[in-house]
């Protein structure tokens, strides 16, 4: 037996039985979503791109971490190289 009222977010609302048309539209929508998910699952192009992205991330992230950790040492090393070559800061202008 259906209750005449239901509560939605603390508000007492009248119970309305869903119409068959809305139910059919919902079924069509769910069917279309299912078909789209199956097609996405069958498509392997996305998986290959994901593999490439993961490979780049595995290589790039440790390099960025090393640059951050050894930042001060790298700056002093580059400055010493510039002094050896004879490039002043003023010449860069």
C-alpha atoms as a PDB file:
ATOM      1  CA  UNK A   1       0.000   0.000   0.000  1.00  0.00           C
ATOM      2  CA  UNK A   2       1.319   3.445  -0.917  1.00  0.00           C
ATOM      3  CA  UNK A   3       1.563   6.087   1.750  1.00  0.00           C
ATOM      4  CA  UNK A   4      -0.248   9.297   0.866  1.00  0.00           C
ATOM      5  CA  UNK A   5       2.763  11.429   1.903  1.00  0.00           C
ATOM      6  CA  UNK A   6       6.523  11.088   1.854  1.00  0.00           C
ATOM      7  CA  UNK A   7       9.294  13.224   3.297  1.00  0.00           C
ATOM      8  CA  UNK A   8      11.948  14.725   1.041  1.00  0.00           C
ATOM      9  CA  UNK A   9      14.670  16.761   2.795  1.00  0.00           C
ATOM     10  CA  UNK A  10      12.399  17.227   5.772  1.00  0.00           C
ATOM     11  CA  UNK A  11       9.481  18.524   3.713  1.00  0.00           C
ATOM     12  CA  UNK A  12       6.170  16.654   3.670  1.00  0.00           C
ATOM     13  CA  UNK A  13       5.240  16.031   0.039  1.00  0.00           C
ATOM     14  CA  UNK A  14       2.296  14.310  -1.588  1.00  0.00           C
ATOM     15  CA  UNK A  15       3.128  10.927  -3.096  1.00  0.00           C
ATOM     16  CA  UNK A  16       2.820  10.965  -6.840  1.00  0.00           C
ATOM     17  CA  UNK A  17       3.042   7.761  -8.787  1.00  0.00           C
ATOM     18  CA  UNK A  18       5.491   8.154 -11.702  1.00  0.00           C
ATOM     19  CA  UNK A  19       3.845   8.270 -15.080  1.00  0.00           C
ATOM     20  CA  UNK A  20       4.566   5.451 -17.558  1.00  0.00           C
ATOM     21  CA  UNK A  21       5.974   7.988 -20.041  1.00  0.00           C
ATOM     22  CA  UNK A  22       8.598   9.219 -17.580  1.00  0.00           C
ATOM     23  CA  UNK A  23       9.437   5.617 -16.744  1.00  0.00           C
ATOM     24  CA  UNK A  24       9.969   4.800 -20.445  1.00  0.00           C
ATOM     25  CA  UNK A  25      12.157   7.882 -20.929  1.00  0.00           C
ATOM     26  CA  UNK A  26      14.255   6.839 -17.947  1.00  0.00           C
ATOM     27  CA  UNK A  27      14.665   3.335 -19.359  1.00  0.00           C
ATOM     28  CA  UNK A  28      15.739   4.750 -22.731  1.00  0.00           C
ATOM     29  CA  UNK A  29      18.218   7.055 -21.058  1.00  0.00           C
ATOM     30  CA  UNK A  30      19.710   4.237 -18.970  1.00  0.00           C
ATOM     31  CA  UNK A  31      19.900   2.006 -22.050  1.00  0.00           C
ATOM     32  CA  UNK A  32      21.761   4.749 -23.949  1.00  0.00           C
ATOM     33  CA  UNK A  33      24.149   5.281 -21.054  1.00  0.00           C
ATOM     34  CA  UNK A  34      24.822   1.537 -20.939  1.00  0.00           C
ATOM     35  CA  UNK A  35      25.514   1.441 -24.672  1.00  0.00           C
ATOM     36  CA  UNK A  36      27.892   4.376 -24.360  1.00  0.00           C
ATOM     37  CA  UNK A  37      29.777   2.713 -21.501  1.00  0.00           C
ATOM     38  CA  UNK A  38      30.087  -0.519 -23.487  1.00  0.00           C
ATOM     39  CA  UNK A  39      31.442   1.382 -26.498  1.00  0.00           C
ATOM     40  CA  UNK A  40      33.908   3.211 -24.269  1.00  0.00           C
ATOM     41  CA  UNK A  41      35.010  -0.098 -22.780  1.00  0.00           C
ATOM     42  CA  UNK A  42      35.606  -1.573 -26.262  1.00  0.00           C
ATOM     43  CA  UNK A  43      37.616   1.457 -27.420  1.00  0.00           C
ATOM     44  CA  UNK A  44      41.325   0.819 -26.842  1.00  0.00           C
ATOM     45  CA  UNK A  45      42.579   4.211 -28.045  1.00  0.00           C
ATOM     46  CA  UNK A  46      41.932   5.752 -24.651  1.00  0.00           C
ATOM     47  CA  UNK A  47      43.866   2.993 -22.909  1.00  0.00           C
ATOM     48  CA  UNK A  48      46.911   3.578 -25.112  1.00  0.00           C
ATOM     49  CA  UNK A  49      46.848   7.312 -24.432  1.00  0.00           C
ATOM     50  CA  UNK A  50      46.573   6.631 -20.714  1.00  0.00           C
ATOM     51  CA  UNK A  51      49.649   4.388 -20.911  1.00  0.00           C
ATOM     52  CA  UNK A  52      51.641   7.154 -22.616  1.00  0.00           C
ATOM     53  CA  UNK A  53      50.555   9.672 -19.996  1.00  0.00           C
ATOM     54  CA  UNK A  54      51.571   7.323 -17.191  1.00  0.00           C
ATOM     55  CA  UNK A  55      54.993   6.711 -18.767  1.00  0.00           C
ATOM     56  CA  UNK A  56      55.626  10.453 -19.086  1.00  0.00           C
ATOM     57  CA  UNK A  57      54.481  10.991 -15.491  1.00  0.00           C
ATOM     58  CA  UNK A  58      56.781   8.232 -14.189  1.00  0.00           C
ATOM     59  CA  UNK A  59      59.734   9.916 -15.897  1.00  0.00           C
ATOM     60  CA  UNK A  60      58.855  13.579 -15.302  1.00  0.00           C
ATOM     61  CA  UNK A  61      57.719  13.561 -11.671  1.00  0.00           C
ATOM     62  CA  UNK A  62      60.999  12.225 -10.204  1.00  0.00           C
ATOM     63  CA  UNK A  63      62.953  14.736 -12.318  1.00  0.00           C
ATOM     64  CA  UNK A  64      60.840  17.606 -11.005  1.00  0.00           C
ATOM     65  CA  UNK A  65      61.342  16.301  -7.474  1.00  0.00           C
ATOM     66  CA  UNK A  66      65.120  16.217  -7.952  1.00  0.00           C
ATOM     67  CA  UNK A  67      65.110  19.770  -9.311  1.00  0.00           C
ATOM     68  CA  UNK A  68      63.178  20.957  -6.273  1.00  0.00           C
ATOM     69  CA  UNK A  69      65.436  19.147  -3.791  1.00  0.00           C
ATOM     70  CA  UNK A  70      68.723  20.245  -5.383  1.00  0.00           C
ATOM     71  CA  UNK A  71      67.560  23.716  -6.434  1.00  0.00           C
ATOM     72  CA  UNK A  72      70.144  25.649  -4.412  1.00  0.00           C
ATOM     73  CA  UNK A  73      73.019  23.416  -5.527  1.00  0.00           C
ATOM     74  CA  UNK A  74      71.991  23.809  -9.165  1.00  0.00           C
ATOM     75  CA  UNK A  75      71.821  27.602  -8.879  1.00  0.00           C
ATOM     76  CA  UNK A  76      75.316  27.822  -7.416  1.00  0.00           C
ATOM     77  CA  UNK A  77      76.638  25.412 -10.051  1.00  0.00           C
ATOM     78  CA  UNK A  78      75.164  27.467 -12.911  1.00  0.00           C
ATOM     79  CA  UNK A  79      76.486  30.688 -11.379  1.00  0.00           C
ATOM     80  CA  UNK A  80      79.986  29.202 -11.182  1.00  0.00           C
ATOM     81  CA  UNK A  81      79.723  28.103 -14.821  1.00  0.00           C
ATOM     82  CA  UNK A  82      78.722  31.618 -15.861  1.00  0.00           C
ATOM     83  CA  UNK A  83      81.670  33.091 -13.943  1.00  0.00           C
ATOM     84  CA  UNK A  84      84.072  30.668 -15.647  1.00  0.00           C
ATOM     85  CA  UNK A  85      82.754  31.595 -19.079  1.00  0.00           C
ATOM     86  CA  UNK A  86      82.915  35.276 -18.157  1.00  0.00           C
ATOM     87  CA  UNK A  87      79.295  36.260 -18.563  1.00  0.00           C
ATOM     88  CA  UNK A  88      78.265  39.017 -16.196  1.00  0.00           C
ATOM     89  CA  UNK A  89      74.747  39.693 -15.064  1.00  0.00           C
ATOM     90  CA  UNK A  90      74.975  43.111 -16.696  1.00  0.00           C
ATOM     91  CA  UNK A  91      75.721  41.637 -20.121  1.00  0.00           C
ATOM     92  CA  UNK A  92      72.418  39.790 -20.120  1.00  0.00           C
ATOM     93  CA  UNK A  93      70.538  43.061 -20.547  1.00  0.00           C
END
